[in-house]
PDB file of N, CA and C in Angstrom:
ATOM      1  N   UNK A   1      -9.852 -14.152 -21.006  1.00  0.00           N
ATOM      2  CA  UNK A   1      -8.716 -13.657 -20.579  1.00  0.00           C
ATOM      3  C   UNK A   1      -7.984 -14.108 -19.499  1.00  0.00           C
ATOM      4  N   UNK A   2      -6.775 -14.132 -19.593  1.00  0.00           N
ATOM      5  CA  UNK A   2      -6.109 -14.613 -18.596  1.00  0.00           C
ATOM      6  C   UNK A   2      -5.776 -13.559 -17.814  1.00  0.00           C
ATOM      7  N   UNK A   3      -6.106 -13.385 -16.160  1.00  0.00           N
ATOM      8  CA  UNK A   3      -5.569 -12.306 -15.302  1.00  0.00           C
ATOM      9  C   UNK A   3      -3.967 -13.049 -14.902  1.00  0.00           C
ATOM     10  N   UNK A   4      -3.347 -11.814 -14.426  1.00  0.00           N
ATOM     11  CA  UNK A   4      -1.749 -12.161 -13.860  1.00  0.00           C
ATOM     12  C   UNK A   4      -1.987 -11.602 -12.689  1.00  0.00           C
ATOM     13  N   UNK A   5      -1.046 -12.479 -11.696  1.00  0.00           N
ATOM     14  CA  UNK A   5      -1.246 -12.175 -10.324  1.00  0.00           C
ATOM     15  C   UNK A   5       0.129 -11.401 -10.145  1.00  0.00           C
ATOM     16  N   UNK A   6      -0.174 -10.575  -9.061  1.00  0.00           N
ATOM     17  CA  UNK A   6       1.298  -9.591  -8.657  1.00  0.00           C
ATOM     18  C   UNK A   6       1.954 -10.464  -7.893  1.00  0.00           C
ATOM     19  N   UNK A   7       3.460 -10.159  -7.635  1.00  0.00           N
ATOM     20  CA  UNK A   7       4.100 -10.918  -6.661  1.00  0.00           C
ATOM     21  C   UNK A   7       3.948 -10.716  -5.396  1.00  0.00           C
ATOM     22  N   UNK A   8       3.359  -9.450  -5.126  1.00  0.00           N
ATOM     23  CA  UNK A   8       2.889  -9.064  -3.865  1.00  0.00           C
ATOM     24  C   UNK A   8       1.205  -9.072  -3.886  1.00  0.00           C
ATOM     25  N   UNK A   9       0.708  -9.293  -2.510  1.00  0.00           N
ATOM     26  CA  UNK A   9      -0.630  -8.978  -2.489  1.00  0.00           C
ATOM     27  C   UNK A   9      -0.875  -8.001  -2.147  1.00  0.00           C
ATOM     28  N   UNK A  10      -2.117  -7.420  -1.815  1.00  0.00           N
ATOM     29  CA  UNK A  10      -2.750  -6.210  -1.575  1.00  0.00           C
ATOM     30  C   UNK A  10      -2.287  -5.717  -0.075  1.00  0.00           C
ATOM     31  N   UNK A  11      -2.034  -6.582   1.006  1.00  0.00           N
ATOM     32  CA  UNK A  11      -1.631  -6.185   2.010  1.00  0.00           C
ATOM     33  C   UNK A  11      -0.177  -5.724   2.278  1.00  0.00           C
ATOM     34  N   UNK A  12       0.441  -6.664   1.131  1.00  0.00           N
ATOM     35  CA  UNK A  12       2.098  -6.180   1.229  1.00  0.00           C
ATOM     36  C   UNK A  12       2.099  -4.694   0.597  1.00  0.00           C
ATOM     37  N   UNK A  13       1.457  -4.700  -0.337  1.00  0.00           N
ATOM     38  CA  UNK A  13       1.377  -2.806  -0.960  1.00  0.00           C
ATOM     39  C   UNK A  13       1.052  -2.076   0.056  1.00  0.00           C
ATOM     40  N   UNK A  14       0.031  -2.116   0.780  1.00  0.00           N
ATOM     41  CA  UNK A  14      -0.150  -1.034   2.041  1.00  0.00           C
ATOM     42  C   UNK A  14       0.835  -0.895   3.058  1.00  0.00           C
ATOM     43  N   UNK A  15       1.493  -2.119   3.296  1.00  0.00           N
ATOM     44  CA  UNK A  15       2.451  -1.871   4.329  1.00  0.00           C
ATOM     45  C   UNK A  15       3.899  -1.442   3.574  1.00  0.00           C
ATOM     46  N   UNK A  16       3.877  -1.523   2.090  1.00  0.00           N
ATOM     47  CA  UNK A  16       5.113  -0.865   1.698  1.00  0.00           C
ATOM     48  C   UNK A  16       4.764   0.510   1.703  1.00  0.00           C
ATOM     49  N   UNK A  17       3.357   0.854   1.123  1.00  0.00           N
ATOM     50  CA  UNK A  17       3.156   2.498   1.028  1.00  0.00           C
ATOM     51  C   UNK A  17       3.370   3.076   2.825  1.00  0.00           C
ATOM     52  N   UNK A  18       3.139   2.274   3.908  1.00  0.00           N
ATOM     53  CA  UNK A  18       3.240   2.946   5.485  1.00  0.00           C
ATOM     54  C   UNK A  18       4.772   3.152   5.477  1.00  0.00           C
ATOM     55  N   UNK A  19       5.343   1.864   5.042  1.00  0.00           N
ATOM     56  CA  UNK A  19       7.006   2.210   5.489  1.00  0.00           C
ATOM     57  C   UNK A  19       7.456   3.169   4.487  1.00  0.00           C
ATOM     58  N   UNK A  20       7.083   3.819   3.084  1.00  0.00           N
ATOM     59  CA  UNK A  20       7.644   4.668   2.515  1.00  0.00           C
ATOM     60  C   UNK A  20       7.236   6.099   3.218  1.00  0.00           C
ATOM     61  N   UNK A  21       6.158   6.136   3.813  1.00  0.00           N
ATOM     62  CA  UNK A  21       5.725   7.640   4.388  1.00  0.00           C
ATOM     63  C   UNK A  21       6.530   7.504   5.648  1.00  0.00           C
ATOM     64  N   UNK A  22       6.785   6.470   6.551  1.00  0.00           N
ATOM     65  CA  UNK A  22       7.882   6.605   7.639  1.00  0.00           C
ATOM     66  C   UNK A  22       9.132   7.042   7.098  1.00  0.00           C
ATOM     67  N   UNK A  23       9.501   6.613   5.988  1.00  0.00           N
ATOM     68  CA  UNK A  23      10.925   6.752   5.593  1.00  0.00           C
ATOM     69  C   UNK A  23      10.909   8.152   5.137  1.00  0.00           C
ATOM     70  N   UNK A  24       9.909   8.555   4.480  1.00  0.00           N
ATOM     71  CA  UNK A  24      10.083   9.886   4.176  1.00  0.00           C
ATOM     72  C   UNK A  24       9.949  10.699   5.196  1.00  0.00           C
ATOM     73  N   UNK A  25       9.099  10.342   6.604  1.00  0.00           N
ATOM     74  CA  UNK A  25       8.968  11.525   7.527  1.00  0.00           C
ATOM     75  C   UNK A  25      10.523  11.645   8.423  1.00  0.00           C
ATOM     76  N   UNK A  26      11.229  10.396   8.257  1.00  0.00           N
ATOM     77  CA  UNK A  26      12.483  10.555   8.911  1.00  0.00           C
ATOM     78  C   UNK A  26      13.423  11.254   8.031  1.00  0.00           C
ATOM     79  N   UNK A  27      13.304  11.442   6.847  1.00  0.00           N
ATOM     80  CA  UNK A  27      14.153  12.001   6.134  1.00  0.00           C
ATOM     81  C   UNK A  27      13.699  13.563   6.288  1.00  0.00           C
ATOM     82  N   UNK A  28      12.477  13.932   6.384  1.00  0.00           N
ATOM     83  CA  UNK A  28      11.797  15.239   6.475  1.00  0.00           C
ATOM     84  C   UNK A  28      12.286  15.724   8.037  1.00  0.00           C
ATOM     85  N   UNK A  29      12.533  14.922   8.977  1.00  0.00           N
ATOM     86  CA  UNK A  29      12.816  15.560  10.276  1.00  0.00           C
ATOM     87  C   UNK A  29      14.392  16.057  10.323  1.00  0.00           C
ATOM     88  N   UNK A  30      15.268  15.390   9.169  1.00  0.00           N
ATOM     89  CA  UNK A  30      16.600  15.442   9.289  1.00  0.00           C
ATOM     90  C   UNK A  30      16.852  16.670   8.500  1.00  0.00           C
ATOM     91  N   UNK A  31      16.029  17.370   7.917  1.00  0.00           N
ATOM     92  CA  UNK A  31      15.865  18.789   7.009  1.00  0.00           C
ATOM     93  C   UNK A  31      16.106  19.441   8.010  1.00  0.00           C
ATOM     94  N   UNK A  32      16.703  20.867   7.336  1.00  0.00           N
ATOM     95  CA  UNK A  32      16.956  22.112   8.085  1.00  0.00           C
ATOM     96  C   UNK A  32      17.713  22.802   7.715  1.00  0.00           C
ATOM     97  N   UNK A  33      17.896  24.331   8.070  1.00  0.00           N
ATOM     98  CA  UNK A  33      19.145  24.950   7.640  1.00  0.00           C
ATOM     99  C   UNK A  33      20.372  24.497   8.289  1.00  0.00           C
ATOM    100  N   UNK A  34      21.459  24.765   6.965  1.00  0.00           N
ATOM    101  CA  UNK A  34      22.512  24.436   7.466  1.00  0.00           C
ATOM    102  C   UNK A  34      23.753  25.199   8.244  1.00  0.00           C
ATOM    103  N   UNK A  35      24.786  25.265   8.256  1.00  0.00           N
ATOM    104  CA  UNK A  35      25.619  26.140   9.154  1.00  0.00           C
ATOM    105  C   UNK A  35      26.495  26.647   8.117  1.00  0.00           C
ATOM    106  N   UNK A  36      26.880  27.837   7.961  1.00  0.00           N
ATOM    107  CA  UNK A  36      27.894  28.594   7.227  1.00  0.00           C
ATOM    108  C   UNK A  36      29.133  29.049   8.069  1.00  0.00           C
ATOM    109  N   UNK A  37      29.922  29.389   7.343  1.00  0.00           N
ATOM    110  CA  UNK A  37      31.079  29.919   8.054  1.00  0.00           C
ATOM    111  C   UNK A  37      31.069  31.120   8.567  1.00  0.00           C
ATOM    112  N   UNK A  38      30.134  32.003   8.006  1.00  0.00           N
ATOM    113  CA  UNK A  38      29.593  33.081   8.688  1.00  0.00           C
ATOM    114  C   UNK A  38      28.390  33.239   9.753  1.00  0.00           C
ATOM    115  N   UNK A  39      27.578  32.064   9.874  1.00  0.00           N
ATOM    116  CA  UNK A  39      26.755  32.102  10.828  1.00  0.00           C
ATOM    117  C   UNK A  39      26.624  30.367  11.484  1.00  0.00           C
ATOM    118  N   UNK A  40      26.976  30.446  12.567  1.00  0.00           N
ATOM    119  CA  UNK A  40      27.125  29.349  13.179  1.00  0.00           C
ATOM    120  C   UNK A  40      25.699  28.338  13.593  1.00  0.00           C
ATOM    121  N   UNK A  41      25.084  27.462  13.288  1.00  0.00           N
ATOM    122  CA  UNK A  41      23.889  27.101  13.600  1.00  0.00           C
ATOM    123  C   UNK A  41      23.884  26.001  14.488  1.00  0.00           C
ATOM    124  N   UNK A  42      23.732  25.845  16.047  1.00  0.00           N
ATOM    125  CA  UNK A  42      23.830  24.653  16.622  1.00  0.00           C
ATOM    126  C   UNK A  42      22.860  23.739  16.706  1.00  0.00           C
ATOM    127  N   UNK A  43      21.491  24.120  15.764  1.00  0.00           N
ATOM    128  CA  UNK A  43      20.556  23.299  15.487  1.00  0.00           C
ATOM    129  C   UNK A  43      20.829  22.111  14.781  1.00  0.00           C
ATOM    130  N   UNK A  44      22.060  21.877  13.987  1.00  0.00           N
ATOM    131  CA  UNK A  44      22.403  21.068  13.237  1.00  0.00           C
ATOM    132  C   UNK A  44      22.863  19.958  14.240  1.00  0.00           C
ATOM    133  N   UNK A  45      23.074  20.273  15.318  1.00  0.00           N
ATOM    134  CA  UNK A  45      23.710  18.832  16.021  1.00  0.00           C
ATOM    135  C   UNK A  45      22.522  18.619  17.349  1.00  0.00           C
ATOM    136  N   UNK A  46      21.080  18.748  16.756  1.00  0.00           N
ATOM    137  CA  UNK A  46      20.226  18.763  17.938  1.00  0.00           C
ATOM    138  C   UNK A  46      19.825  17.296  17.752  1.00  0.00           C
ATOM    139  N   UNK A  47      19.118  17.084  18.885  1.00  0.00           N
ATOM    140  CA  UNK A  47      18.386  15.431  19.246  1.00  0.00           C
ATOM    141  C   UNK A  47      17.935  14.934  17.969  1.00  0.00           C
ATOM    142  N   UNK A  48      16.865  16.011  17.409  1.00  0.00           N
ATOM    143  CA  UNK A  48      16.020  15.620  16.389  1.00  0.00           C
ATOM    144  C   UNK A  48      16.358  15.092  15.081  1.00  0.00           C
ATOM    145  N   UNK A  49      17.619  15.966  14.827  1.00  0.00           N
ATOM    146  CA  UNK A  49      18.292  15.502  13.647  1.00  0.00           C
ATOM    147  C   UNK A  49      19.559  14.398  13.748  1.00  0.00           C
ATOM    148  N   UNK A  50      20.043  14.370  14.955  1.00  0.00           N
ATOM    149  CA  UNK A  50      21.071  13.274  14.847  1.00  0.00           C
ATOM    150  C   UNK A  50      20.651  11.958  15.708  1.00  0.00           C
ATOM    151  N   UNK A  51      19.566  11.729  16.202  1.00  0.00           N
ATOM    152  CA  UNK A  51      19.390  10.728  16.759  1.00  0.00           C
ATOM    153  C   UNK A  51      17.831  10.422  16.447  1.00  0.00           C
ATOM    154  N   UNK A  52      16.886  11.222  16.334  1.00  0.00           N
ATOM    155  CA  UNK A  52      15.305  10.785  16.055  1.00  0.00           C
ATOM    156  C   UNK A  52      15.086  10.394  14.703  1.00  0.00           C
ATOM    157  N   UNK A  53      15.437  11.354  13.956  1.00  0.00           N
ATOM    158  CA  UNK A  53      15.285  11.181  12.526  1.00  0.00           C
ATOM    159  C   UNK A  53      15.897  10.075  11.643  1.00  0.00           C
ATOM    160  N   UNK A  54      17.092   9.752  11.826  1.00  0.00           N
ATOM    161  CA  UNK A  54      17.832   8.444  11.584  1.00  0.00           C
ATOM    162  C   UNK A  54      17.192   7.105  12.174  1.00  0.00           C
ATOM    163  N   UNK A  55      16.782   7.442  13.464  1.00  0.00           N
ATOM    164  CA  UNK A  55      15.981   6.275  13.899  1.00  0.00           C
ATOM    165  C   UNK A  55      14.695   5.951  13.455  1.00  0.00           C
ATOM    166  N   UNK A  56      14.105   6.792  12.788  1.00  0.00           N
ATOM    167  CA  UNK A  56      12.682   6.665  12.405  1.00  0.00           C
ATOM    168  C   UNK A  56      12.798   6.194  10.878  1.00  0.00           C
ATOM    169  N   UNK A  57      13.801   6.745  10.132  1.00  0.00           N
ATOM    170  CA  UNK A  57      14.244   6.520   8.953  1.00  0.00           C
ATOM    171  C   UNK A  57      14.702   4.772   8.839  1.00  0.00           C
ATOM    172  N   UNK A  58      15.479   4.456   9.713  1.00  0.00           N
ATOM    173  CA  UNK A  58      15.799   3.067   9.892  1.00  0.00           C
ATOM    174  C   UNK A  58      14.986   1.958  10.287  1.00  0.00           C
ATOM    175  N   UNK A  59      13.739   2.452  11.138  1.00  0.00           N
ATOM    176  CA  UNK A  59      12.417   1.750  11.547  1.00  0.00           C
ATOM    177  C   UNK A  59      11.902   1.717  10.007  1.00  0.00           C
ATOM    178  N   UNK A  60      12.130   2.687   9.281  1.00  0.00           N
ATOM    179  CA  UNK A  60      11.174   2.343   8.152  1.00  0.00           C
ATOM    180  C   UNK A  60      11.519   1.618   7.150  1.00  0.00           C
ATOM    181  N   UNK A  61      12.929   1.530   7.008  1.00  0.00           N
ATOM    182  CA  UNK A  61      13.868   1.006   6.027  1.00  0.00           C
ATOM    183  C   UNK A  61      13.511  -0.836   6.804  1.00  0.00           C
ATOM    184  N   UNK A  62      13.625  -0.869   7.859  1.00  0.00           N
ATOM    185  CA  UNK A  62      13.541  -2.398   8.419  1.00  0.00           C
ATOM    186  C   UNK A  62      12.112  -3.090   8.126  1.00  0.00           C
ATOM    187  N   UNK A  63      10.938  -1.820   8.346  1.00  0.00           N
ATOM    188  CA  UNK A  63       9.574  -2.064   8.332  1.00  0.00           C
ATOM    189  C   UNK A  63       9.293  -2.494   6.672  1.00  0.00           C
ATOM    190  N   UNK A  64      10.092  -1.854   5.810  1.00  0.00           N
ATOM    191  CA  UNK A  64      10.107  -2.204   4.223  1.00  0.00           C
ATOM    192  C   UNK A  64      10.223  -3.631   4.230  1.00  0.00           C
ATOM    193  N   UNK A  65      11.463  -3.975   4.685  1.00  0.00           N
ATOM    194  CA  UNK A  65      11.856  -5.394   4.402  1.00  0.00           C
ATOM    195  C   UNK A  65      10.955  -6.091   4.891  1.00  0.00           C
ATOM    196  N   UNK A  66      10.272  -5.821   6.066  1.00  0.00           N
ATOM    197  CA  UNK A  66       9.233  -7.202   6.732  1.00  0.00           C
ATOM    198  C   UNK A  66       7.752  -7.003   5.627  1.00  0.00           C
ATOM    199  N   UNK A  67       7.702  -5.505   5.070  1.00  0.00           N
ATOM    200  CA  UNK A  67       6.503  -5.704   4.133  1.00  0.00           C
ATOM    201  C   UNK A  67       6.766  -6.594   2.557  1.00  0.00           C
ATOM    202  N   UNK A  68       7.846  -6.567   2.470  1.00  0.00           N
ATOM    203  CA  UNK A  68       8.328  -7.293   1.269  1.00  0.00           C
ATOM    204  C   UNK A  68       8.238  -8.761   1.531  1.00  0.00           C
ATOM    205  N   UNK A  69       8.707  -9.115   2.574  1.00  0.00           N
ATOM    206  CA  UNK A  69       8.944 -10.539   2.917  1.00  0.00           C
ATOM    207  C   UNK A  69       7.893 -11.324   3.522  1.00  0.00           C
ATOM    208  N   UNK A  70       6.885 -10.557   4.204  1.00  0.00           N
ATOM    209  CA  UNK A  70       5.500 -10.978   4.952  1.00  0.00           C
ATOM    210  C   UNK A  70       4.797 -11.987   3.438  1.00  0.00           C
ATOM    211  N   UNK A  71       4.536 -13.175   3.984  1.00  0.00           N
ATOM    212  CA  UNK A  71       3.848 -14.062   3.080  1.00  0.00           C
ATOM    213  C   UNK A  71       2.173 -13.499   3.121  1.00  0.00           C
ATOM    214  N   UNK A  72       1.556 -13.517   2.243  1.00  0.00           N
ATOM    215  CA  UNK A  72       0.296 -13.187   2.136  1.00  0.00           C
ATOM    216  C   UNK A  72      -0.395 -14.677   2.406  1.00  0.00           C
ATOM    217  N   UNK A  73      -1.545 -14.719   2.978  1.00  0.00           N
ATOM    218  CA  UNK A  73      -2.114 -15.758   3.320  1.00  0.00           C
ATOM    219  C   UNK A  73      -3.217 -16.293   1.952  1.00  0.00           C
TER     220      UNK A  73
END
């Protein structure tokens, strides 16, 4: 029986999984209640939702590219 090789190694798949979790954390930090015309919510302009969460998601996407491009030994 001939075994097939995957395009990515085990280490690449682990790194992709870590990057995926970091991206999900970034998007989860962006989530929260919105602001309606009847009730203004100043939390939509918080540091966490405007700066921190998009930065974490961006780092996750960059790490995902690294995880895909990394050469296995």
